[in-house]
Amino acid sequence: MDKVLIIVLLVNLIAENFERHNEIRVALYGVILVLQILEISLNLLK
């Protein structure tokens, strides 16, 4: 979960620099969500 927290913090920093581009923020959060789902799926398969 620490990795996820770091990624979220990075996304927030990036998003602050591109406040006009909300699509970028949404896309990055979408990527994080997919990565989290994949990580959960892999953990369930173990």
PDB file of N, CA and C in Angstrom:
ATOM      1  N   MET A   1       0.828  -1.210   0.000  1.00  0.00           N
ATOM      2  CA  MET A   1       0.000   0.000   0.000  1.00  0.00           C
ATOM      3  C   MET A   1       0.868   1.268   0.000  1.00  0.00           C
ATOM      4  N   ASP A   2       2.111   1.155   0.482  1.00  0.00           N
ATOM      5  CA  ASP A   2       3.004   2.313   0.478  1.00  0.00           C
ATOM      6  C   ASP A   2       3.268   2.793  -0.949  1.00  0.00           C
ATOM      7  N   LYS A   3       3.414   1.829  -1.881  1.00  0.00           N
ATOM      8  CA  LYS A   3       3.639   2.187  -3.286  1.00  0.00           C
ATOM      9  C   LYS A   3       2.473   3.008  -3.813  1.00  0.00           C
ATOM     10  N   VAL A   4       1.265   2.568  -3.470  1.00  0.00           N
ATOM     11  CA  VAL A   4       0.059   3.265  -3.938  1.00  0.00           C
ATOM     12  C   VAL A   4       0.041   4.689  -3.396  1.00  0.00           C
ATOM     13  N   LEU A   5       0.379   4.845  -2.110  1.00  0.00           N
ATOM     14  CA  LEU A   5       0.396   6.176  -1.491  1.00  0.00           C
ATOM     15  C   LEU A   5       1.383   7.091  -2.200  1.00  0.00           C
ATOM     16  N   ILE A   6       2.572   6.575  -2.500  1.00  0.00           N
ATOM     17  CA  ILE A   6       3.597   7.355  -3.205  1.00  0.00           C
ATOM     18  C   ILE A   6       3.091   7.766  -4.585  1.00  0.00           C
ATOM     19  N   ILE A   7       2.452   6.830  -5.286  1.00  0.00           N
ATOM     20  CA  ILE A   7       1.921   7.126  -6.623  1.00  0.00           C
ATOM     21  C   ILE A   7       0.856   8.214  -6.540  1.00  0.00           C
ATOM     22  N   VAL A   8      -0.029   8.101  -5.542  1.00  0.00           N
ATOM     23  CA  VAL A   8      -1.091   9.107  -5.384  1.00  0.00           C
ATOM     24  C   VAL A   8      -0.490  10.486  -5.115  1.00  0.00           C
ATOM     25  N   LEU A   9       0.532  10.531  -4.267  1.00  0.00           N
ATOM     26  CA  LEU A   9       1.199  11.810  -3.980  1.00  0.00           C
ATOM     27  C   LEU A   9       1.836  12.390  -5.240  1.00  0.00           C
ATOM     28  N   LEU A  10       2.468  11.526  -6.044  1.00  0.00           N
ATOM     29  CA  LEU A  10       3.075  11.980  -7.300  1.00  0.00           C
ATOM     30  C   LEU A  10       2.010  12.508  -8.253  1.00  0.00           C
ATOM     31  N   VAL A  11       0.896  11.792  -8.337  1.00  0.00           N
ATOM     32  CA  VAL A  11      -0.204  12.227  -9.210  1.00  0.00           C
ATOM     33  C   VAL A  11      -0.715  13.592  -8.766  1.00  0.00           C
ATOM     34  N   ASN A  12      -0.851  13.780  -7.451  1.00  0.00           N
ATOM     35  CA  ASN A  12      -1.308  15.074  -6.945  1.00  0.00           C
ATOM     36  C   ASN A  12      -0.341  16.189  -7.317  1.00  0.00           C
ATOM     37  N   LEU A  13       0.960  15.918  -7.210  1.00  0.00           N
ATOM     38  CA  LEU A  13       1.962  16.922  -7.593  1.00  0.00           C
ATOM     39  C   LEU A  13       1.860  17.255  -9.078  1.00  0.00           C
ATOM     40  N   ILE A  14       1.736  16.218  -9.903  1.00  0.00           N
ATOM     41  CA  ILE A  14       1.610  16.411 -11.352  1.00  0.00           C
ATOM     42  C   ILE A  14       0.329  17.180 -11.662  1.00  0.00           C
ATOM     43  N   ALA A  15      -0.762  16.785 -11.013  1.00  0.00           N
ATOM     44  CA  ALA A  15      -2.062  17.413 -11.258  1.00  0.00           C
ATOM     45  C   ALA A  15      -2.045  18.893 -10.872  1.00  0.00           C
ATOM     46  N   GLU A  16      -1.329  19.230  -9.794  1.00  0.00           N
ATOM     47  CA  GLU A  16      -1.228  20.635  -9.384  1.00  0.00           C
ATOM     48  C   GLU A  16      -0.528  21.458 -10.457  1.00  0.00           C
ATOM     49  N   ASN A  17       0.443  20.845 -11.127  1.00  0.00           N
ATOM     50  CA  ASN A  17       1.163  21.544 -12.194  1.00  0.00           C
ATOM     51  C   ASN A  17       0.318  21.682 -13.460  1.00  0.00           C
ATOM     52  N   PHE A  18      -0.680  20.823 -13.601  1.00  0.00           N
ATOM     53  CA  PHE A  18      -1.545  20.835 -14.788  1.00  0.00           C
ATOM     54  C   PHE A  18      -3.006  20.991 -14.363  1.00  0.00           C
ATOM     55  N   GLU A  19      -3.260  21.984 -13.520  1.00  0.00           N
ATOM     56  CA  GLU A  19      -4.612  22.137 -12.986  1.00  0.00           C
ATOM     57  C   GLU A  19      -5.656  22.329 -14.075  1.00  0.00           C
ATOM     58  N   ARG A  20      -5.253  22.933 -15.187  1.00  0.00           N
ATOM     59  CA  ARG A  20      -6.212  23.171 -16.264  1.00  0.00           C
ATOM     60  C   ARG A  20      -6.609  21.867 -16.947  1.00  0.00           C
ATOM     61  N   HIS A  21      -5.723  20.881 -16.852  1.00  0.00           N
ATOM     62  CA  HIS A  21      -5.951  19.630 -17.577  1.00  0.00           C
ATOM     63  C   HIS A  21      -6.512  18.563 -16.637  1.00  0.00           C
ATOM     64  N   ASN A  22      -7.794  18.693 -16.321  1.00  0.00           N
ATOM     65  CA  ASN A  22      -8.427  17.719 -15.430  1.00  0.00           C
ATOM     66  C   ASN A  22      -8.463  16.328 -16.045  1.00  0.00           C
ATOM     67  N   GLU A  23      -8.448  16.272 -17.384  1.00  0.00           N
ATOM     68  CA  GLU A  23      -8.459  14.963 -18.052  1.00  0.00           C
ATOM     69  C   GLU A  23      -7.221  14.166 -17.661  1.00  0.00           C
ATOM     70  N   ILE A  24      -6.079  14.868 -17.537  1.00  0.00           N
ATOM     71  CA  ILE A  24      -4.831  14.194 -17.163  1.00  0.00           C
ATOM     72  C   ILE A  24      -4.979  13.578 -15.781  1.00  0.00           C
ATOM     73  N   ARG A  25      -5.544  14.360 -14.849  1.00  0.00           N
ATOM     74  CA  ARG A  25      -5.733  13.871 -13.485  1.00  0.00           C
ATOM     75  C   ARG A  25      -6.644  12.637 -13.488  1.00  0.00           C
ATOM     76  N   VAL A  26      -7.743  12.727 -14.213  1.00  0.00           N
ATOM     77  CA  VAL A  26      -8.686  11.602 -14.283  1.00  0.00           C
ATOM     78  C   VAL A  26      -8.012  10.374 -14.884  1.00  0.00           C
ATOM     79  N   ALA A  27      -7.247  10.582 -15.958  1.00  0.00           N
ATOM     80  CA  ALA A  27      -6.558   9.468 -16.612  1.00  0.00           C
ATOM     81  C   ALA A  27      -5.557   8.814 -15.670  1.00  0.00           C
ATOM     82  N   LEU A  28      -4.794   9.635 -14.935  1.00  0.00           N
ATOM     83  CA  LEU A  28      -3.802   9.086 -14.009  1.00  0.00           C
ATOM     84  C   LEU A  28      -4.472   8.305 -12.887  1.00  0.00           C
ATOM     85  N   TYR A  29      -5.579   8.830 -12.360  1.00  0.00           N
ATOM     86  CA  TYR A  29      -6.289   8.089 -11.315  1.00  0.00           C
ATOM     87  C   TYR A  29      -6.863   6.790 -11.879  1.00  0.00           C
ATOM     88  N   GLY A  30      -7.290   6.823 -13.144  1.00  0.00           N
ATOM     89  CA  GLY A  30      -7.781   5.608 -13.793  1.00  0.00           C
ATOM     90  C   GLY A  30      -6.694   4.552 -13.877  1.00  0.00           C
ATOM     91  N   VAL A  31      -5.480   4.995 -14.236  1.00  0.00           N
ATOM     92  CA  VAL A  31      -4.335   4.075 -14.311  1.00  0.00           C
ATOM     93  C   VAL A  31      -4.042   3.486 -12.936  1.00  0.00           C
ATOM     94  N   ILE A  32      -4.057   4.333 -11.903  1.00  0.00           N
ATOM     95  CA  ILE A  32      -3.803   3.852 -10.539  1.00  0.00           C
ATOM     96  C   ILE A  32      -4.841   2.816 -10.144  1.00  0.00           C
ATOM     97  N   LEU A  33      -6.105   3.096 -10.463  1.00  0.00           N
ATOM     98  CA  LEU A  33      -7.186   2.172 -10.115  1.00  0.00           C
ATOM     99  C   LEU A  33      -6.964   0.818 -10.781  1.00  0.00           C
ATOM    100  N   VAL A  34      -6.605   0.836 -12.067  1.00  0.00           N
ATOM    101  CA  VAL A  34      -6.337  -0.408 -12.798  1.00  0.00           C
ATOM    102  C   VAL A  34      -5.170  -1.163 -12.166  1.00  0.00           C
ATOM    103  N   LEU A  35      -4.099  -0.437 -11.823  1.00  0.00           N
ATOM    104  CA  LEU A  35      -2.934  -1.074 -11.198  1.00  0.00           C
ATOM    105  C   LEU A  35      -3.303  -1.695  -9.858  1.00  0.00           C
ATOM    106  N   GLN A  36      -4.134  -1.002  -9.079  1.00  0.00           N
ATOM    107  CA  GLN A  36      -4.566  -1.539  -7.786  1.00  0.00           C
ATOM    108  C   GLN A  36      -5.385  -2.811  -7.987  1.00  0.00           C
ATOM    109  N   ILE A  37      -6.286  -2.791  -8.962  1.00  0.00           N
ATOM    110  CA  ILE A  37      -7.117  -3.965  -9.246  1.00  0.00           C
ATOM    111  C   ILE A  37      -6.237  -5.137  -9.674  1.00  0.00           C
ATOM    112  N   LEU A  38      -5.241  -4.868 -10.531  1.00  0.00           N
ATOM    113  CA  LEU A  38      -4.321  -5.921 -10.968  1.00  0.00           C
ATOM    114  C   LEU A  38      -3.538  -6.483  -9.790  1.00  0.00           C
ATOM    115  N   GLU A  39      -3.076  -5.596  -8.900  1.00  0.00           N
ATOM    116  CA  GLU A  39      -2.303  -6.030  -7.744  1.00  0.00           C
ATOM    117  C   GLU A  39      -3.154  -6.912  -6.835  1.00  0.00           C
ATOM    118  N   ILE A  40      -4.409  -6.509  -6.615  1.00  0.00           N
ATOM    119  CA  ILE A  40      -5.326  -7.307  -5.790  1.00  0.00           C
ATOM    120  C   ILE A  40      -5.572  -8.662  -6.451  1.00  0.00           C
ATOM    121  N   SER A  41      -5.784  -8.653  -7.775  1.00  0.00           N
ATOM    122  CA  SER A  41      -6.028  -9.899  -8.505  1.00  0.00           C
ATOM    123  C   SER A  41      -4.837 -10.841  -8.384  1.00  0.00           C
ATOM    124  N   LEU A  42      -3.621 -10.302  -8.537  1.00  0.00           N
ATOM    125  CA  LEU A  42      -2.414 -11.122  -8.428  1.00  0.00           C
ATOM    126  C   LEU A  42      -2.266 -11.686  -7.023  1.00  0.00           C
ATOM    127  N   ASN A  43      -2.596 -10.888  -6.012  1.00  0.00           N
ATOM    128  CA  ASN A  43      -2.509 -11.360  -4.630  1.00  0.00           C
ATOM    129  C   ASN A  43      -3.510 -12.486  -4.377  1.00  0.00           C
ATOM    130  N   LEU A  44      -4.683 -12.401  -5.005  1.00  0.00           N
ATOM    131  CA  LEU A  44      -5.699 -13.441  -4.831  1.00  0.00           C
ATOM    132  C   LEU A  44      -5.283 -14.738  -5.520  1.00  0.00           C
ATOM    133  N   LEU A  45      -4.520 -14.623  -6.617  1.00  0.00           N
ATOM    134  CA  LEU A  45      -4.091 -15.805  -7.362  1.00  0.00           C
ATOM    135  C   LEU A  45      -2.984 -16.585  -6.656  1.00  0.00           C
ATOM    136  N   LYS A  46      -2.256 -15.914  -5.761  1.00  0.00           N
ATOM    137  CA  LYS A  46      -1.128 -16.575  -5.082  1.00  0.00           C
ATOM    138  C   LYS A  46      -1.600 -17.742  -4.219  1.00  0.00           C
TER     139      LYS A  46
END
